[in-house]
PDB file of N, CA and C in Angstrom:
ATOM      1  N   MET A   1     -27.761  -0.852  -0.368  1.00  0.00           N
ATOM      2  CA  MET A   1     -26.252  -0.761  -0.679  1.00  0.00           C
ATOM      3  C   MET A   1     -25.819   0.682  -0.452  1.00  0.00           C
ATOM      4  N   LYS A   2     -26.683   1.613  -0.839  1.00  0.00           N
ATOM      5  CA  LYS A   2     -26.269   3.013  -0.590  1.00  0.00           C
ATOM      6  C   LYS A   2     -26.023   3.380   0.862  1.00  0.00           C
ATOM      7  N   ILE A   3     -26.872   2.739   1.786  1.00  0.00           N
ATOM      8  CA  ILE A   3     -26.647   2.975   3.252  1.00  0.00           C
ATOM      9  C   ILE A   3     -25.384   2.422   3.747  1.00  0.00           C
ATOM     10  N   LEU A   4     -24.964   1.293   3.213  1.00  0.00           N
ATOM     11  CA  LEU A   4     -23.653   0.635   3.572  1.00  0.00           C
ATOM     12  C   LEU A   4     -22.515   1.510   3.020  1.00  0.00           C
ATOM     13  N   GLN A   5     -22.659   2.125   1.829  1.00  0.00           N
ATOM     14  CA  GLN A   5     -21.631   2.949   1.287  1.00  0.00           C
ATOM     15  C   GLN A   5     -21.586   4.160   2.131  1.00  0.00           C
ATOM     16  N   THR A   6     -22.565   4.778   2.681  1.00  0.00           N
ATOM     17  CA  THR A   6     -22.479   5.973   3.498  1.00  0.00           C
ATOM     18  C   THR A   6     -21.944   5.674   4.747  1.00  0.00           C
ATOM     19  N   ILE A   7     -22.236   4.484   5.324  1.00  0.00           N
ATOM     20  CA  ILE A   7     -21.738   4.080   6.620  1.00  0.00           C
ATOM     21  C   ILE A   7     -20.260   3.931   6.577  1.00  0.00           C
ATOM     22  N   LEU A   8     -19.775   3.334   5.621  1.00  0.00           N
ATOM     23  CA  LEU A   8     -18.249   2.966   5.363  1.00  0.00           C
ATOM     24  C   LEU A   8     -17.525   4.198   5.224  1.00  0.00           C
ATOM     25  N   ILE A   9     -18.139   5.211   4.325  1.00  0.00           N
ATOM     26  CA  ILE A   9     -17.430   6.384   4.115  1.00  0.00           C
ATOM     27  C   ILE A   9     -17.368   7.212   5.415  1.00  0.00           C
ATOM     28  N   ALA A  10     -18.388   7.183   6.186  1.00  0.00           N
ATOM     29  CA  ALA A  10     -18.384   7.930   7.465  1.00  0.00           C
ATOM     30  C   ALA A  10     -17.351   7.279   8.455  1.00  0.00           C
ATOM     31  N   ILE A  11     -17.289   5.960   8.387  1.00  0.00           N
ATOM     32  CA  ILE A  11     -16.313   5.189   9.298  1.00  0.00           C
ATOM     33  C   ILE A  11     -14.865   5.660   8.815  1.00  0.00           C
ATOM     34  N   VAL A  12     -14.520   5.734   7.631  1.00  0.00           N
ATOM     35  CA  VAL A  12     -13.246   6.160   7.242  1.00  0.00           C
ATOM     36  C   VAL A  12     -12.973   7.645   7.570  1.00  0.00           C
ATOM     37  N   ALA A  13     -13.943   8.497   7.450  1.00  0.00           N
ATOM     38  CA  ALA A  13     -13.773   9.848   7.748  1.00  0.00           C
ATOM     39  C   ALA A  13     -13.631  10.063   9.242  1.00  0.00           C
ATOM     40  N   ILE A  14     -14.338   9.443  10.127  1.00  0.00           N
ATOM     41  CA  ILE A  14     -14.110   9.377  11.551  1.00  0.00           C
ATOM     42  C   ILE A  14     -12.822   8.848  11.880  1.00  0.00           C
ATOM     43  N   GLU A  15     -12.356   7.813  11.314  1.00  0.00           N
ATOM     44  CA  GLU A  15     -10.955   7.232  11.592  1.00  0.00           C
ATOM     45  C   GLU A  15     -10.011   8.294  11.374  1.00  0.00           C
ATOM     46  N   HIS A  16     -10.148   9.111  10.231  1.00  0.00           N
ATOM     47  CA  HIS A  16      -9.100  10.030   9.935  1.00  0.00           C
ATOM     48  C   HIS A  16      -9.176  11.205  10.895  1.00  0.00           C
ATOM     49  N   VAL A  17     -10.293  11.490  11.501  1.00  0.00           N
ATOM     50  CA  VAL A  17     -10.349  12.623  12.393  1.00  0.00           C
ATOM     51  C   VAL A  17      -9.570  12.071  13.685  1.00  0.00           C
ATOM     52  N   TYR A  18      -9.768  10.758  13.979  1.00  0.00           N
ATOM     53  CA  TYR A  18      -9.028  10.169  15.137  1.00  0.00           C
ATOM     54  C   TYR A  18      -7.516  10.212  14.891  1.00  0.00           C
ATOM     55  N   ILE A  19      -7.146   9.814  13.680  1.00  0.00           N
ATOM     56  CA  ILE A  19      -5.697   9.883  13.322  1.00  0.00           C
ATOM     57  C   ILE A  19      -5.052  11.317  13.476  1.00  0.00           C
ATOM     58  N   LEU A  20      -5.885  12.343  12.980  1.00  0.00           N
ATOM     59  CA  LEU A  20      -5.523  13.677  13.178  1.00  0.00           C
ATOM     60  C   LEU A  20      -5.306  13.840  14.604  1.00  0.00           C
ATOM     61  N   TYR A  21      -6.162  13.539  15.500  1.00  0.00           N
ATOM     62  CA  TYR A  21      -6.058  13.799  16.935  1.00  0.00           C
ATOM     63  C   TYR A  21      -4.852  13.153  17.533  1.00  0.00           C
ATOM     64  N   LEU A  22      -4.545  11.959  17.061  1.00  0.00           N
ATOM     65  CA  LEU A  22      -3.305  11.176  17.535  1.00  0.00           C
ATOM     66  C   LEU A  22      -2.125  11.959  17.076  1.00  0.00           C
ATOM     67  N   GLU A  23      -1.993  12.224  15.849  1.00  0.00           N
ATOM     68  CA  GLU A  23      -0.769  12.861  15.282  1.00  0.00           C
ATOM     69  C   GLU A  23      -0.594  14.336  15.730  1.00  0.00           C
ATOM     70  N   MET A  24      -1.612  15.048  15.834  1.00  0.00           N
ATOM     71  CA  MET A  24      -1.453  16.499  16.248  1.00  0.00           C
ATOM     72  C   MET A  24      -1.411  16.689  17.678  1.00  0.00           C
ATOM     73  N   PHE A  25      -2.143  15.987  18.494  1.00  0.00           N
ATOM     74  CA  PHE A  25      -2.219  16.237  19.954  1.00  0.00           C
ATOM     75  C   PHE A  25      -1.704  15.192  20.811  1.00  0.00           C
ATOM     76  N   LEU A  26      -1.545  13.896  20.394  1.00  0.00           N
ATOM     77  CA  LEU A  26      -1.074  12.950  21.324  1.00  0.00           C
ATOM     78  C   LEU A  26       0.296  12.393  20.881  1.00  0.00           C
ATOM     79  N   TRP A  27       0.938  12.910  19.900  1.00  0.00           N
ATOM     80  CA  TRP A  27       2.192  12.374  19.422  1.00  0.00           C
ATOM     81  C   TRP A  27       3.204  12.064  20.491  1.00  0.00           C
ATOM     82  N   THR A  28       3.397  13.149  21.318  1.00  0.00           N
ATOM     83  CA  THR A  28       4.432  12.916  22.438  1.00  0.00           C
ATOM     84  C   THR A  28       3.908  12.516  23.734  1.00  0.00           C
ATOM     85  N   LYS A  29       2.588  12.036  23.771  1.00  0.00           N
ATOM     86  CA  LYS A  29       1.960  11.490  24.844  1.00  0.00           C
ATOM     87  C   LYS A  29       2.124   9.942  24.865  1.00  0.00           C
ATOM     88  N   PRO A  30       1.826   9.354  25.952  1.00  0.00           N
ATOM     89  CA  PRO A  30       2.028   7.793  25.926  1.00  0.00           C
ATOM     90  C   PRO A  30       1.021   7.166  24.958  1.00  0.00           C
ATOM     91  N   LYS A  31      -0.136   7.607  24.826  1.00  0.00           N
ATOM     92  CA  LYS A  31      -1.072   6.967  23.914  1.00  0.00           C
ATOM     93  C   LYS A  31      -0.539   7.060  22.439  1.00  0.00           C
ATOM     94  N   GLY A  32       0.049   8.237  22.063  1.00  0.00           N
ATOM     95  CA  GLY A  32       0.505   8.542  20.661  1.00  0.00           C
ATOM     96  C   GLY A  32       1.731   7.769  20.407  1.00  0.00           C
ATOM     97  N   MET A  33       2.590   7.763  21.424  1.00  0.00           N
ATOM     98  CA  MET A  33       3.890   7.047  21.279  1.00  0.00           C
ATOM     99  C   MET A  33       3.614   5.417  21.123  1.00  0.00           C
ATOM    100  N   LYS A  34       2.729   4.906  21.861  1.00  0.00           N
ATOM    101  CA  LYS A  34       2.382   3.545  21.804  1.00  0.00           C
ATOM    102  C   LYS A  34       1.764   3.240  20.403  1.00  0.00           C
ATOM    103  N   THR A  35       0.705   4.054  20.007  1.00  0.00           N
ATOM    104  CA  THR A  35       0.030   3.776  18.914  1.00  0.00           C
ATOM    105  C   THR A  35       1.017   3.817  17.577  1.00  0.00           C
ATOM    106  N   PHE A  36       1.954   4.755  17.561  1.00  0.00           N
ATOM    107  CA  PHE A  36       2.837   4.712  16.360  1.00  0.00           C
ATOM    108  C   PHE A  36       4.183   4.019  16.691  1.00  0.00           C
ATOM    109  N   GLY A  37       4.348   3.339  17.828  1.00  0.00           N
ATOM    110  CA  GLY A  37       5.504   2.635  18.064  1.00  0.00           C
ATOM    111  C   GLY A  37       6.804   3.451  18.212  1.00  0.00           C
ATOM    112  N   LEU A  38       6.618   4.600  18.714  1.00  0.00           N
ATOM    113  CA  LEU A  38       7.812   5.553  18.868  1.00  0.00           C
ATOM    114  C   LEU A  38       8.591   4.989  20.080  1.00  0.00           C
ATOM    115  N   LYS A  39       9.889   4.962  19.949  1.00  0.00           N
ATOM    116  CA  LYS A  39      10.903   4.274  21.005  1.00  0.00           C
ATOM    117  C   LYS A  39      11.194   5.171  22.051  1.00  0.00           C
ATOM    118  N   SER A  40      11.221   6.555  21.858  1.00  0.00           N
ATOM    119  CA  SER A  40      11.654   7.459  22.883  1.00  0.00           C
ATOM    120  C   SER A  40      10.888   8.666  22.877  1.00  0.00           C
ATOM    121  N   LYS A  41      10.744   9.374  23.998  1.00  0.00           N
ATOM    122  CA  LYS A  41      10.064  10.755  24.161  1.00  0.00           C
ATOM    123  C   LYS A  41      10.879  11.713  23.430  1.00  0.00           C
ATOM    124  N   GLU A  42      12.247  11.627  23.328  1.00  0.00           N
ATOM    125  CA  GLU A  42      13.083  12.588  22.624  1.00  0.00           C
ATOM    126  C   GLU A  42      12.833  12.548  21.093  1.00  0.00           C
ATOM    127  N   PHE A  43      12.637  11.251  20.618  1.00  0.00           N
ATOM    128  CA  PHE A  43      12.320  11.171  19.129  1.00  0.00           C
ATOM    129  C   PHE A  43      11.022  11.767  18.943  1.00  0.00           C
ATOM    130  N   ALA A  44       9.846  11.464  19.799  1.00  0.00           N
ATOM    131  CA  ALA A  44       8.670  12.118  19.547  1.00  0.00           C
ATOM    132  C   ALA A  44       8.674  13.514  19.675  1.00  0.00           C
ATOM    133  N   GLU A  45       9.443  14.136  20.501  1.00  0.00           N
ATOM    134  CA  GLU A  45       9.556  15.573  20.541  1.00  0.00           C
ATOM    135  C   GLU A  45      10.174  16.194  19.319  1.00  0.00           C
ATOM    136  N   GLU A  46      11.224  15.508  18.767  1.00  0.00           N
ATOM    137  CA  GLU A  46      11.944  15.885  17.605  1.00  0.00           C
ATOM    138  C   GLU A  46      11.182  15.866  16.262  1.00  0.00           C
ATOM    139  N   THR A  47      10.079  14.962  16.360  1.00  0.00           N
ATOM    140  CA  THR A  47       9.398  14.722  15.055  1.00  0.00           C
ATOM    141  C   THR A  47       7.902  15.227  15.265  1.00  0.00           C
ATOM    142  N   LYS A  48       7.571  15.927  16.364  1.00  0.00           N
ATOM    143  CA  LYS A  48       6.205  16.271  16.555  1.00  0.00           C
ATOM    144  C   LYS A  48       5.632  17.286  15.459  1.00  0.00           C
ATOM    145  N   THR A  49       6.565  18.153  14.922  1.00  0.00           N
ATOM    146  CA  THR A  49       6.123  19.010  13.881  1.00  0.00           C
ATOM    147  C   THR A  49       5.757  18.164  12.635  1.00  0.00           C
ATOM    148  N   LEU A  50       6.584  17.249  12.237  1.00  0.00           N
ATOM    149  CA  LEU A  50       6.179  16.439  11.022  1.00  0.00           C
ATOM    150  C   LEU A  50       4.904  15.616  11.300  1.00  0.00           C
ATOM    151  N   ALA A  51       4.763  15.124  12.472  1.00  0.00           N
ATOM    152  CA  ALA A  51       3.475  14.325  12.790  1.00  0.00           C
ATOM    153  C   ALA A  51       2.285  15.264  12.811  1.00  0.00           C
ATOM    154  N   ALA A  52       2.402  16.563  13.268  1.00  0.00           N
ATOM    155  CA  ALA A  52       1.327  17.456  13.158  1.00  0.00           C
ATOM    156  C   ALA A  52       0.935  17.702  11.742  1.00  0.00           C
ATOM    157  N   ASN A  53       1.808  17.878  10.874  1.00  0.00           N
ATOM    158  CA  ASN A  53       1.617  17.940   9.438  1.00  0.00           C
ATOM    159  C   ASN A  53       0.851  16.923   8.833  1.00  0.00           C
ATOM    160  N   GLN A  54       1.353  15.597   9.279  1.00  0.00           N
ATOM    161  CA  GLN A  54       0.614  14.458   8.683  1.00  0.00           C
ATOM    162  C   GLN A  54      -0.841  14.480   9.218  1.00  0.00           C
ATOM    163  N   GLY A  55      -0.963  14.815  10.461  1.00  0.00           N
ATOM    164  CA  GLY A  55      -2.339  14.911  11.069  1.00  0.00           C
ATOM    165  C   GLY A  55      -3.188  15.874  10.392  1.00  0.00           C
ATOM    166  N   LEU A  56      -2.688  17.029   9.925  1.00  0.00           N
ATOM    167  CA  LEU A  56      -3.385  17.914   9.197  1.00  0.00           C
ATOM    168  C   LEU A  56      -3.919  17.340   7.845  1.00  0.00           C
ATOM    169  N   TYR A  57      -3.078  16.714   7.155  1.00  0.00           N
ATOM    170  CA  TYR A  57      -3.444  16.043   5.953  1.00  0.00           C
ATOM    171  C   TYR A  57      -4.439  15.016   6.116  1.00  0.00           C
ATOM    172  N   ASN A  58      -4.454  14.218   7.220  1.00  0.00           N
ATOM    173  CA  ASN A  58      -5.520  13.283   7.576  1.00  0.00           C
ATOM    174  C   ASN A  58      -6.779  13.876   7.799  1.00  0.00           C
ATOM    175  N   GLY A  59      -6.655  15.141   8.483  1.00  0.00           N
ATOM    176  CA  GLY A  59      -7.820  15.971   8.600  1.00  0.00           C
ATOM    177  C   GLY A  59      -8.471  16.388   7.296  1.00  0.00           C
ATOM    178  N   PHE A  60      -7.674  16.839   6.399  1.00  0.00           N
ATOM    179  CA  PHE A  60      -8.128  17.113   5.038  1.00  0.00           C
ATOM    180  C   PHE A  60      -8.880  15.924   4.440  1.00  0.00           C
ATOM    181  N   LEU A  61      -8.322  14.752   4.506  1.00  0.00           N
ATOM    182  CA  LEU A  61      -9.103  13.540   4.031  1.00  0.00           C
ATOM    183  C   LEU A  61     -10.415  13.431   4.624  1.00  0.00           C
ATOM    184  N   ALA A  62     -10.442  13.566   5.953  1.00  0.00           N
ATOM    185  CA  ALA A  62     -11.681  13.435   6.674  1.00  0.00           C
ATOM    186  C   ALA A  62     -12.657  14.558   6.177  1.00  0.00           C
ATOM    187  N   ALA A  63     -12.213  15.694   6.042  1.00  0.00           N
ATOM    188  CA  ALA A  63     -13.147  16.876   5.709  1.00  0.00           C
ATOM    189  C   ALA A  63     -13.713  16.682   4.274  1.00  0.00           C
ATOM    190  N   GLY A  64     -12.860  16.085   3.323  1.00  0.00           N
ATOM    191  CA  GLY A  64     -13.353  15.836   2.039  1.00  0.00           C
ATOM    192  C   GLY A  64     -14.301  14.752   2.104  1.00  0.00           C
ATOM    193  N   LEU A  65     -14.170  13.731   2.830  1.00  0.00           N
ATOM    194  CA  LEU A  65     -15.138  12.568   2.908  1.00  0.00           C
ATOM    195  C   LEU A  65     -16.355  13.054   3.575  1.00  0.00           C
ATOM    196  N   PHE A  66     -16.296  13.901   4.622  1.00  0.00           N
ATOM    197  CA  PHE A  66     -17.599  14.471   5.202  1.00  0.00           C
ATOM    198  C   PHE A  66     -18.275  15.290   4.235  1.00  0.00           C
ATOM    199  N   TRP A  67     -17.536  16.105   3.518  1.00  0.00           N
ATOM    200  CA  TRP A  67     -18.114  17.022   2.490  1.00  0.00           C
ATOM    201  C   TRP A  67     -18.803  16.196   1.393  1.00  0.00           C
ATOM    202  N   SER A  68     -18.172  15.174   1.009  1.00  0.00           N
ATOM    203  CA  SER A  68     -18.725  14.240  -0.074  1.00  0.00           C
ATOM    204  C   SER A  68     -20.075  13.684   0.426  1.00  0.00           C
ATOM    205  N   LEU A  69     -20.303  13.405   1.792  1.00  0.00           N
ATOM    206  CA  LEU A  69     -21.511  12.890   2.307  1.00  0.00           C
ATOM    207  C   LEU A  69     -22.448  13.970   2.332  1.00  0.00           C
ATOM    208  N   TYR A  70     -22.129  15.145   2.712  1.00  0.00           N
ATOM    209  CA  TYR A  70     -23.053  16.311   2.757  1.00  0.00           C
ATOM    210  C   TYR A  70     -23.643  16.549   1.422  1.00  0.00           C
ATOM    211  N   THR A  71     -22.738  16.716   0.332  1.00  0.00           N
ATOM    212  CA  THR A  71     -23.186  17.007  -0.901  1.00  0.00           C
ATOM    213  C   THR A  71     -23.752  15.841  -1.762  1.00  0.00           C
ATOM    214  N   GLU A  72     -23.515  14.605  -1.181  1.00  0.00           N
ATOM    215  CA  GLU A  72     -24.022  13.508  -1.880  1.00  0.00           C
ATOM    216  C   GLU A  72     -23.341  13.215  -3.199  1.00  0.00           C
ATOM    217  N   ASP A  73     -22.022  13.840  -3.427  1.00  0.00           N
ATOM    218  CA  ASP A  73     -21.384  13.687  -4.670  1.00  0.00           C
ATOM    219  C   ASP A  73     -20.524  12.445  -4.546  1.00  0.00           C
ATOM    220  N   VAL A  74     -20.887  11.432  -5.284  1.00  0.00           N
ATOM    221  CA  VAL A  74     -20.135  10.179  -5.271  1.00  0.00           C
ATOM    222  C   VAL A  74     -18.778  10.306  -5.854  1.00  0.00           C
ATOM    223  N   SER A  75     -18.557  11.184  -6.802  1.00  0.00           N
ATOM    224  CA  SER A  75     -17.201  11.263  -7.428  1.00  0.00           C
ATOM    225  C   SER A  75     -16.297  11.996  -6.390  1.00  0.00           C
ATOM    226  N   VAL A  76     -16.772  12.730  -5.511  1.00  0.00           N
ATOM    227  CA  VAL A  76     -15.883  13.352  -4.555  1.00  0.00           C
ATOM    228  C   VAL A  76     -15.530  12.270  -3.505  1.00  0.00           C
ATOM    229  N   SER A  77     -16.594  11.445  -3.114  1.00  0.00           N
ATOM    230  CA  SER A  77     -16.284  10.308  -2.261  1.00  0.00           C
ATOM    231  C   SER A  77     -15.286   9.396  -2.816  1.00  0.00           C
ATOM    232  N   LEU A  78     -15.417   9.003  -4.083  1.00  0.00           N
ATOM    233  CA  LEU A  78     -14.498   8.170  -4.713  1.00  0.00           C
ATOM    234  C   LEU A  78     -13.169   8.680  -4.762  1.00  0.00           C
ATOM    235  N   PHE A  79     -12.924   9.984  -5.064  1.00  0.00           N
ATOM    236  CA  PHE A  79     -11.603  10.652  -5.062  1.00  0.00           C
ATOM    237  C   PHE A  79     -10.943  10.429  -3.737  1.00  0.00           C
ATOM    238  N   PHE A  80     -11.663  10.823  -2.701  1.00  0.00           N
ATOM    239  CA  PHE A  80     -11.073  10.796  -1.336  1.00  0.00           C
ATOM    240  C   PHE A  80     -10.822   9.454  -0.831  1.00  0.00           C
ATOM    241  N   ILE A  81     -11.803   8.442  -1.097  1.00  0.00           N
ATOM    242  CA  ILE A  81     -11.493   7.111  -0.688  1.00  0.00           C
ATOM    243  C   ILE A  81     -10.340   6.358  -1.376  1.00  0.00           C
ATOM    244  N   ILE A  82     -10.176   6.756  -2.688  1.00  0.00           N
ATOM    245  CA  ILE A  82      -9.015   6.235  -3.352  1.00  0.00           C
ATOM    246  C   ILE A  82      -7.740   6.899  -2.867  1.00  0.00           C
ATOM    247  N   CYS A  83      -7.756   8.160  -2.472  1.00  0.00           N
ATOM    248  CA  CYS A  83      -6.555   8.801  -1.706  1.00  0.00           C
ATOM    249  C   CYS A  83      -6.262   8.015  -0.475  1.00  0.00           C
ATOM    250  N   VAL A  84      -7.272   7.676   0.302  1.00  0.00           N
ATOM    251  CA  VAL A  84      -7.001   6.951   1.553  1.00  0.00           C
ATOM    252  C   VAL A  84      -6.435   5.552   1.233  1.00  0.00           C
ATOM    253  N   CYS A  85      -6.976   4.755   0.178  1.00  0.00           N
ATOM    254  CA  CYS A  85      -6.406   3.520  -0.238  1.00  0.00           C
ATOM    255  C   CYS A  85      -4.890   3.772  -0.596  1.00  0.00           C
ATOM    256  N   VAL A  86      -4.628   4.637  -1.358  1.00  0.00           N
ATOM    257  CA  VAL A  86      -3.236   4.786  -1.776  1.00  0.00           C
ATOM    258  C   VAL A  86      -2.346   5.150  -0.590  1.00  0.00           C
ATOM    259  N   ALA A  87      -2.829   5.980   0.311  1.00  0.00           N
ATOM    260  CA  ALA A  87      -2.005   6.296   1.604  1.00  0.00           C
ATOM    261  C   ALA A  87      -1.795   5.041   2.390  1.00  0.00           C
ATOM    262  N   ALA A  88      -2.744   4.249   2.400  1.00  0.00           N
ATOM    263  CA  ALA A  88      -2.722   2.889   3.219  1.00  0.00           C
ATOM    264  C   ALA A  88      -1.656   2.046   2.551  1.00  0.00           C
ATOM    265  N   LEU A  89      -1.716   1.915   1.305  1.00  0.00           N
ATOM    266  CA  LEU A  89      -0.724   1.163   0.507  1.00  0.00           C
ATOM    267  C   LEU A  89       0.655   1.610   0.720  1.00  0.00           C
ATOM    268  N   TYR A  90       0.797   2.920   0.509  1.00  0.00           N
ATOM    269  CA  TYR A  90       2.195   3.558   0.707  1.00  0.00           C
ATOM    270  C   TYR A  90       2.696   3.371   2.081  1.00  0.00           C
ATOM    271  N   GLY A  91       1.759   3.698   3.058  1.00  0.00           N
ATOM    272  CA  GLY A  91       2.140   3.676   4.464  1.00  0.00           C
ATOM    273  C   GLY A  91       2.511   2.231   4.852  1.00  0.00           C
ATOM    274  N   ALA A  92       1.904   1.260   4.348  1.00  0.00           N
ATOM    275  CA  ALA A  92       2.416  -0.046   4.668  1.00  0.00           C
ATOM    276  C   ALA A  92       3.662  -0.451   4.000  1.00  0.00           C
ATOM    277  N   TYR A  93       3.853  -0.057   2.735  1.00  0.00           N
ATOM    278  CA  TYR A  93       5.171  -0.254   2.001  1.00  0.00           C
ATOM    279  C   TYR A  93       6.269   0.417   2.796  1.00  0.00           C
ATOM    280  N   SER A  94       5.998   1.777   3.009  1.00  0.00           N
ATOM    281  CA  SER A  94       7.194   2.637   3.489  1.00  0.00           C
ATOM    282  C   SER A  94       7.590   2.277   4.878  1.00  0.00           C
ATOM    283  N   THR A  95       6.624   1.763   5.744  1.00  0.00           N
ATOM    284  CA  THR A  95       6.946   1.543   7.137  1.00  0.00           C
ATOM    285  C   THR A  95       7.230   0.000   7.304  1.00  0.00           C
ATOM    286  N   LYS A  96       6.980  -0.644   6.280  1.00  0.00           N
ATOM    287  CA  LYS A  96       7.226  -2.123   6.331  1.00  0.00           C
ATOM    288  C   LYS A  96       6.168  -2.821   7.379  1.00  0.00           C
ATOM    289  N   SER A  97       5.078  -2.210   7.607  1.00  0.00           N
ATOM    290  CA  SER A  97       4.133  -2.596   8.581  1.00  0.00           C
ATOM    291  C   SER A  97       2.642  -2.925   7.824  1.00  0.00           C
ATOM    292  N   ASN A  98       2.232  -4.102   7.989  1.00  0.00           N
ATOM    293  CA  ASN A  98       0.909  -4.340   7.432  1.00  0.00           C
ATOM    294  C   ASN A  98      -0.229  -3.754   8.322  1.00  0.00           C
ATOM    295  N   ARG A  99       0.111  -3.347   9.487  1.00  0.00           N
ATOM    296  CA  ARG A  99      -0.907  -2.736  10.350  1.00  0.00           C
ATOM    297  C   ARG A  99      -1.523  -1.557   9.856  1.00  0.00           C
ATOM    298  N   ILE A 100      -0.873  -0.790   9.147  1.00  0.00           N
ATOM    299  CA  ILE A 100      -1.440   0.464   8.560  1.00  0.00           C
ATOM    300  C   ILE A 100      -2.399  -0.091   7.417  1.00  0.00           C
ATOM    301  N   LEU A 101      -2.065  -0.995   6.714  1.00  0.00           N
ATOM    302  CA  LEU A 101      -2.851  -1.516   5.645  1.00  0.00           C
ATOM    303  C   LEU A 101      -4.200  -2.083   6.188  1.00  0.00           C
ATOM    304  N   ILE A 102      -4.193  -2.750   7.382  1.00  0.00           N
ATOM    305  CA  ILE A 102      -5.323  -3.235   7.978  1.00  0.00           C
ATOM    306  C   ILE A 102      -6.195  -2.264   8.539  1.00  0.00           C
ATOM    307  N   VAL A 103      -5.601  -1.422   9.394  1.00  0.00           N
ATOM    308  CA  VAL A 103      -6.297  -0.405  10.164  1.00  0.00           C
ATOM    309  C   VAL A 103      -6.894   0.707   9.340  1.00  0.00           C
ATOM    310  N   GLN A 104      -6.072   1.264   8.473  1.00  0.00           N
ATOM    311  CA  GLN A 104      -6.485   2.244   7.558  1.00  0.00           C
ATOM    312  C   GLN A 104      -6.925   1.872   6.275  1.00  0.00           C
ATOM    313  N   GLY A 105      -6.417   0.816   5.783  1.00  0.00           N
ATOM    314  CA  GLY A 105      -6.862   0.308   4.521  1.00  0.00           C
ATOM    315  C   GLY A 105      -8.120  -0.470   4.335  1.00  0.00           C
ATOM    316  N   THR A 106      -8.400  -1.368   5.415  1.00  0.00           N
ATOM    317  CA  THR A 106      -9.598  -2.221   5.264  1.00  0.00           C
ATOM    318  C   THR A 106     -10.873  -1.534   5.067  1.00  0.00           C
ATOM    319  N   PRO A 107     -11.108  -0.541   6.022  1.00  0.00           N
ATOM    320  CA  PRO A 107     -12.457   0.178   5.788  1.00  0.00           C
ATOM    321  C   PRO A 107     -12.491   1.088   4.479  1.00  0.00           C
ATOM    322  N   ALA A 108     -11.304   1.588   4.117  1.00  0.00           N
ATOM    323  CA  ALA A 108     -11.329   2.288   2.812  1.00  0.00           C
ATOM    324  C   ALA A 108     -11.491   1.344   1.618  1.00  0.00           C
ATOM    325  N   PHE A 109     -10.827   0.246   1.604  1.00  0.00           N
ATOM    326  CA  PHE A 109     -11.005  -0.657   0.503  1.00  0.00           C
ATOM    327  C   PHE A 109     -12.417  -1.237   0.447  1.00  0.00           C
ATOM    328  N   LEU A 110     -13.079  -1.513   1.594  1.00  0.00           N
ATOM    329  CA  LEU A 110     -14.414  -1.963   1.609  1.00  0.00           C
ATOM    330  C   LEU A 110     -15.357  -0.962   1.062  1.00  0.00           C
ATOM    331  N   ALA A 111     -15.124   0.412   1.526  1.00  0.00           N
ATOM    332  CA  ALA A 111     -15.962   1.539   0.977  1.00  0.00           C
ATOM    333  C   ALA A 111     -15.766   1.572  -0.543  1.00  0.00           C
ATOM    334  N   LEU A 112     -14.591   1.378  -1.092  1.00  0.00           N
ATOM    335  CA  LEU A 112     -14.258   1.405  -2.495  1.00  0.00           C
ATOM    336  C   LEU A 112     -15.035   0.445  -3.248  1.00  0.00           C
ATOM    337  N   ILE A 113     -14.949  -0.731  -2.655  1.00  0.00           N
ATOM    338  CA  ILE A 113     -15.674  -2.016  -3.322  1.00  0.00           C
ATOM    339  C   ILE A 113     -17.117  -1.682  -3.452  1.00  0.00           C
ATOM    340  N   VAL A 114     -17.688  -1.236  -2.276  1.00  0.00           N
ATOM    341  CA  VAL A 114     -19.182  -1.027  -2.307  1.00  0.00           C
ATOM    342  C   VAL A 114     -19.469   0.161  -3.331  1.00  0.00           C
ATOM    343  N   MET A 115     -18.772   1.119  -3.265  1.00  0.00           N
ATOM    344  CA  MET A 115     -18.879   2.253  -4.142  1.00  0.00           C
ATOM    345  C   MET A 115     -18.876   1.768  -5.653  1.00  0.00           C
ATOM    346  N   LEU A 116     -17.851   1.075  -6.002  1.00  0.00           N
ATOM    347  CA  LEU A 116     -17.868   0.632  -7.329  1.00  0.00           C
ATOM    348  C   LEU A 116     -18.929  -0.465  -7.772  1.00  0.00           C
ATOM    349  N   LEU A 117     -19.327  -1.148  -6.770  1.00  0.00           N
ATOM    350  CA  LEU A 117     -20.474  -2.023  -6.991  1.00  0.00           C
ATOM    351  C   LEU A 117     -21.819  -1.241  -7.172  1.00  0.00           C
ATOM    352  N   ASN A 118     -21.966  -0.225  -6.362  1.00  0.00           N
ATOM    353  CA  ASN A 118     -23.103   0.669  -6.459  1.00  0.00           C
ATOM    354  C   ASN A 118     -23.117   1.392  -7.955  1.00  0.00           C
ATOM    355  N   ARG A 119     -21.969   1.781  -8.257  1.00  0.00           N
ATOM    356  CA  ARG A 119     -21.827   2.599  -9.519  1.00  0.00           C
ATOM    357  C   ARG A 119     -22.047   1.738 -10.766  1.00  0.00           C
ATOM    358  N   PHE A 120     -21.566   0.381 -10.743  1.00  0.00           N
ATOM    359  CA  PHE A 120     -21.531  -0.340 -12.049  1.00  0.00           C
ATOM    360  C   PHE A 120     -22.692  -1.383 -11.987  1.00  0.00           C
ATOM    361  N   LEU A 121     -23.244  -1.816 -10.889  1.00  0.00           N
ATOM    362  CA  LEU A 121     -24.216  -2.913 -10.819  1.00  0.00           C
ATOM    363  C   LEU A 121     -25.557  -2.316 -10.642  1.00  0.00           C
ATOM    364  N   VAL A 122     -25.757  -1.063 -10.181  1.00  0.00           N
ATOM    365  CA  VAL A 122     -27.049  -0.636  -9.995  1.00  0.00           C
ATOM    366  C   VAL A 122     -27.503   0.408 -11.017  1.00  0.00           C
TER     367      VAL A 122
END
């Protein structure tokens, strides 16, 4: 179960590095615009600073998760996984899109469940 926990945390961290890349470097490119459903190049250009800021925060989440794996500190992992879960819930609510909840939330919620099972059942 500990191996599954580590794998899931790593998946969430890698996913957030990818989100950082999309938001910071591809926001105004076709891949970024398609991923985030942006309607126009003008809108993408107008909002690229905000997107880069969001990307940086996703990078902080990834860094915290990688750090928690390095230090093997489960409480740090738990904190950052809960942050990702909250971000997925809020993102789905604020954008009225379940896609965020599925893509960002599913791996994080699975990691959270496994972590809690490891913590309370083992």
